[in-house]
Amino acid sequence: MGALQRIALLLTIIGAINWGLIGFFQFDLVAAIFGGQNSVWSRIIYSLVGIAGLINLALLFKPAEELGRTEPKATRT
């Protein structure tokens, strides 16, 4: 996994936590930190999280070999 994919994964996790807070507690952490949903900084964060989600969407369709994972081999006993 490259650096861009790791950053995208981190941003996606941040977005998921924010959505969880909104769903469970009606609290938007990004808006609280950056000055409301309509502030420039909040919109930048929301945009970056959205782009990160699109980058991570591409990971769904990559073969396991490209991701560095291999299928477990059957062992004999």
N, C-alpha and C. Protein backbone atom coordinates (compact mmCIF):
# COMPACT_ATOMS: atom_id res chain seq x y z
N MET A 1 0.86 -1.17 0.00
CA MET A 1 0.00 0.00 0.00
C MET A 1 0.90 1.23 0.00
N GLY A 2 0.65 2.11 -0.95
CA GLY A 2 1.46 3.30 -1.07
C GLY A 2 1.06 4.39 -0.08
N ALA A 3 1.87 5.44 -0.06
CA ALA A 3 1.63 6.54 0.87
C ALA A 3 0.29 7.22 0.60
N LEU A 4 -0.04 7.42 -0.67
CA LEU A 4 -1.31 8.06 -1.02
C LEU A 4 -2.49 7.22 -0.52
N GLN A 5 -2.39 5.91 -0.68
CA GLN A 5 -3.47 5.04 -0.23
C GLN A 5 -3.59 5.04 1.29
N ARG A 6 -2.47 5.12 1.99
CA ARG A 6 -2.51 5.18 3.46
C ARG A 6 -3.15 6.49 3.94
N ILE A 7 -2.81 7.59 3.28
CA ILE A 7 -3.41 8.88 3.63
C ILE A 7 -4.91 8.84 3.33
N ALA A 8 -5.27 8.27 2.19
CA ALA A 8 -6.68 8.15 1.84
C ALA A 8 -7.42 7.29 2.85
N LEU A 9 -6.80 6.21 3.29
CA LEU A 9 -7.43 5.35 4.29
C LEU A 9 -7.63 6.10 5.61
N LEU A 10 -6.63 6.86 6.02
CA LEU A 10 -6.74 7.64 7.24
C LEU A 10 -7.88 8.66 7.14
N LEU A 11 -7.96 9.36 6.03
CA LEU A 11 -9.03 10.34 5.84
C LEU A 11 -10.41 9.66 5.80
N THR A 12 -10.46 8.47 5.22
CA THR A 12 -11.73 7.74 5.18
C THR A 12 -12.15 7.32 6.58
N ILE A 13 -11.20 6.91 7.39
CA ILE A 13 -11.49 6.54 8.78
C ILE A 13 -11.98 7.77 9.55
N ILE A 14 -11.34 8.91 9.35
CA ILE A 14 -11.78 10.14 10.00
C ILE A 14 -13.22 10.47 9.59
N GLY A 15 -13.51 10.32 8.30
CA GLY A 15 -14.86 10.57 7.82
C GLY A 15 -15.87 9.60 8.42
N ALA A 16 -15.49 8.34 8.55
CA ALA A 16 -16.38 7.35 9.14
C ALA A 16 -16.66 7.66 10.61
N ILE A 17 -15.63 8.07 11.33
CA ILE A 17 -15.83 8.45 12.74
C ILE A 17 -16.75 9.66 12.83
N ASN A 18 -16.54 10.64 11.96
CA ASN A 18 -17.40 11.83 11.96
C ASN A 18 -18.85 11.46 11.67
N TRP A 19 -19.07 10.59 10.68
CA TRP A 19 -20.44 10.17 10.37
C TRP A 19 -21.03 9.37 11.52
N GLY A 20 -20.24 8.57 12.19
CA GLY A 20 -20.73 7.85 13.36
C GLY A 20 -21.18 8.80 14.46
N LEU A 21 -20.37 9.84 14.69
CA LEU A 21 -20.75 10.85 15.69
C LEU A 21 -22.03 11.57 15.30
N ILE A 22 -22.17 11.86 14.02
CA ILE A 22 -23.39 12.51 13.56
C ILE A 22 -24.59 11.58 13.75
N GLY A 23 -24.43 10.33 13.39
CA GLY A 23 -25.53 9.38 13.49
C GLY A 23 -25.95 9.08 14.92
N PHE A 24 -24.98 8.90 15.80
CA PHE A 24 -25.30 8.51 17.18
C PHE A 24 -25.61 9.70 18.09
N PHE A 25 -24.89 10.81 17.88
CA PHE A 25 -25.00 11.93 18.83
C PHE A 25 -25.40 13.25 18.21
N GLN A 26 -25.66 13.28 16.90
CA GLN A 26 -25.96 14.51 16.18
C GLN A 26 -24.88 15.57 16.42
N PHE A 27 -23.62 15.12 16.40
CA PHE A 27 -22.48 16.01 16.64
C PHE A 27 -21.51 15.89 15.48
N ASP A 28 -21.29 16.99 14.77
CA ASP A 28 -20.37 17.03 13.64
C ASP A 28 -19.02 17.54 14.14
N LEU A 29 -18.08 16.63 14.34
CA LEU A 29 -16.77 16.98 14.89
C LEU A 29 -16.00 17.91 13.97
N VAL A 30 -16.04 17.65 12.67
CA VAL A 30 -15.31 18.50 11.71
C VAL A 30 -15.85 19.93 11.78
N ALA A 31 -17.16 20.08 11.79
CA ALA A 31 -17.76 21.42 11.88
C ALA A 31 -17.42 22.08 13.20
N ALA A 32 -17.40 21.32 14.28
CA ALA A 32 -17.08 21.89 15.60
C ALA A 32 -15.63 22.38 15.65
N ILE A 33 -14.73 21.65 15.03
CA ILE A 33 -13.31 22.03 15.07
C ILE A 33 -13.02 23.19 14.12
N PHE A 34 -13.62 23.15 12.93
CA PHE A 34 -13.24 24.10 11.89
C PHE A 34 -14.24 25.23 11.67
N GLY A 35 -15.19 25.43 12.57
CA GLY A 35 -16.02 26.62 12.50
C GLY A 35 -17.32 26.50 11.76
N GLY A 36 -17.96 25.36 11.78
CA GLY A 36 -19.27 25.20 11.13
C GLY A 36 -19.16 24.50 9.80
N GLN A 37 -20.29 23.96 9.35
CA GLN A 37 -20.31 23.20 8.10
C GLN A 37 -20.02 24.05 6.87
N ASN A 38 -20.31 25.32 6.93
CA ASN A 38 -20.13 26.18 5.76
C ASN A 38 -18.80 26.91 5.74
N SER A 39 -17.94 26.68 6.73
CA SER A 39 -16.64 27.34 6.71
C SER A 39 -15.76 26.74 5.62
N VAL A 40 -14.83 27.51 5.14
CA VAL A 40 -13.94 27.05 4.07
C VAL A 40 -13.15 25.82 4.52
N TRP A 41 -12.65 25.84 5.74
CA TRP A 41 -11.83 24.72 6.23
C TRP A 41 -12.64 23.44 6.35
N SER A 42 -13.86 23.53 6.83
CA SER A 42 -14.71 22.34 6.91
C SER A 42 -14.99 21.79 5.52
N ARG A 43 -15.28 22.66 4.58
CA ARG A 43 -15.56 22.20 3.22
C ARG A 43 -14.34 21.55 2.60
N ILE A 44 -13.15 22.04 2.92
CA ILE A 44 -11.91 21.41 2.42
C ILE A 44 -11.77 20.01 3.00
N ILE A 45 -12.00 19.87 4.32
CA ILE A 45 -11.91 18.56 4.96
C ILE A 45 -12.93 17.60 4.37
N TYR A 46 -14.19 18.05 4.23
CA TYR A 46 -15.22 17.21 3.64
C TYR A 46 -14.83 16.78 2.22
N SER A 47 -14.26 17.69 1.44
CA SER A 47 -13.85 17.37 0.08
C SER A 47 -12.72 16.36 0.06
N LEU A 48 -11.74 16.53 0.96
CA LEU A 48 -10.62 15.58 1.03
C LEU A 48 -11.10 14.19 1.44
N VAL A 49 -12.04 14.13 2.37
CA VAL A 49 -12.59 12.84 2.78
C VAL A 49 -13.33 12.19 1.60
N GLY A 50 -14.07 12.97 0.85
CA GLY A 50 -14.77 12.44 -0.32
C GLY A 50 -13.81 11.90 -1.37
N ILE A 51 -12.75 12.63 -1.65
CA ILE A 51 -11.74 12.17 -2.60
C ILE A 51 -11.07 10.91 -2.09
N ALA A 52 -10.78 10.88 -0.78
CA ALA A 52 -10.17 9.69 -0.18
C ALA A 52 -11.08 8.47 -0.34
N GLY A 53 -12.37 8.67 -0.19
CA GLY A 53 -13.31 7.57 -0.39
C GLY A 53 -13.26 7.03 -1.80
N LEU A 54 -13.14 7.92 -2.78
CA LEU A 54 -13.03 7.48 -4.17
C LEU A 54 -11.73 6.72 -4.41
N ILE A 55 -10.65 7.17 -3.81
CA ILE A 55 -9.38 6.46 -3.94
C ILE A 55 -9.49 5.07 -3.33
N ASN A 56 -10.11 4.98 -2.16
CA ASN A 56 -10.27 3.68 -1.50
C ASN A 56 -11.25 2.79 -2.24
N LEU A 57 -12.20 3.38 -2.95
CA LEU A 57 -13.12 2.59 -3.76
C LEU A 57 -12.35 1.79 -4.80
N ALA A 58 -11.31 2.38 -5.35
CA ALA A 58 -10.49 1.68 -6.34
C ALA A 58 -9.81 0.46 -5.73
N LEU A 59 -9.53 0.48 -4.42
CA LEU A 59 -8.90 -0.67 -3.77
C LEU A 59 -9.80 -1.90 -3.78
N LEU A 60 -11.10 -1.70 -3.82
CA LEU A 60 -12.03 -2.82 -3.85
C LEU A 60 -11.84 -3.70 -5.08
N PHE A 61 -11.42 -3.10 -6.17
CA PHE A 61 -11.35 -3.81 -7.43
C PHE A 61 -9.94 -4.26 -7.80
N LYS A 62 -8.95 -4.03 -6.92
CA LYS A 62 -7.60 -4.50 -7.18
C LYS A 62 -7.48 -5.96 -6.78
N PRO A 63 -6.80 -6.75 -7.59
CA PRO A 63 -6.57 -8.14 -7.20
C PRO A 63 -5.72 -8.22 -5.94
N ALA A 64 -5.87 -9.30 -5.18
CA ALA A 64 -5.14 -9.48 -3.92
C ALA A 64 -3.63 -9.42 -4.13
N GLU A 65 -3.16 -9.92 -5.28
CA GLU A 65 -1.71 -9.93 -5.54
C GLU A 65 -1.14 -8.51 -5.59
N GLU A 66 -1.90 -7.58 -6.15
CA GLU A 66 -1.44 -6.20 -6.25
C GLU A 66 -1.42 -5.52 -4.89
N LEU A 67 -2.25 -5.97 -3.97
CA LEU A 67 -2.30 -5.37 -2.64
C LEU A 67 -1.26 -5.96 -1.70
N GLY A 68 -0.53 -6.96 -2.18
CA GLY A 68 0.51 -7.55 -1.34
C GLY A 68 0.00 -8.68 -0.46
N ARG A 69 -1.25 -9.08 -0.66
CA ARG A 69 -1.81 -10.18 0.12
C ARG A 69 -1.77 -11.44 -0.73
N THR A 70 -1.58 -12.53 -0.10
CA THR A 70 -1.66 -13.80 -0.77
C THR A 70 -2.67 -14.66 -0.05
N GLU A 71 -3.30 -15.53 -0.80
CA GLU A 71 -4.27 -16.45 -0.21
C GLU A 71 -3.53 -17.48 0.64
N PRO A 72 -4.05 -17.85 1.79
CA PRO A 72 -3.37 -18.85 2.61
C PRO A 72 -3.35 -20.20 1.89
N LYS A 73 -2.20 -20.85 1.99
CA LYS A 73 -2.05 -22.16 1.37
C LYS A 73 -2.52 -23.23 2.33
N ALA A 74 -3.07 -24.27 1.76
CA ALA A 74 -3.52 -25.39 2.60
C ALA A 74 -2.29 -26.11 3.15
N THR A 75 -2.36 -26.46 4.41
CA THR A 75 -1.23 -27.16 5.04
C THR A 75 -1.63 -28.61 5.28
N ARG A 76 -0.66 -29.46 5.17
CA ARG A 76 -0.90 -30.88 5.42
C ARG A 76 -0.59 -31.20 6.86
N THR A 77 -1.41 -32.03 7.43
CA THR A 77 -1.15 -32.46 8.81
C THR A 77 -1.02 -33.94 8.91
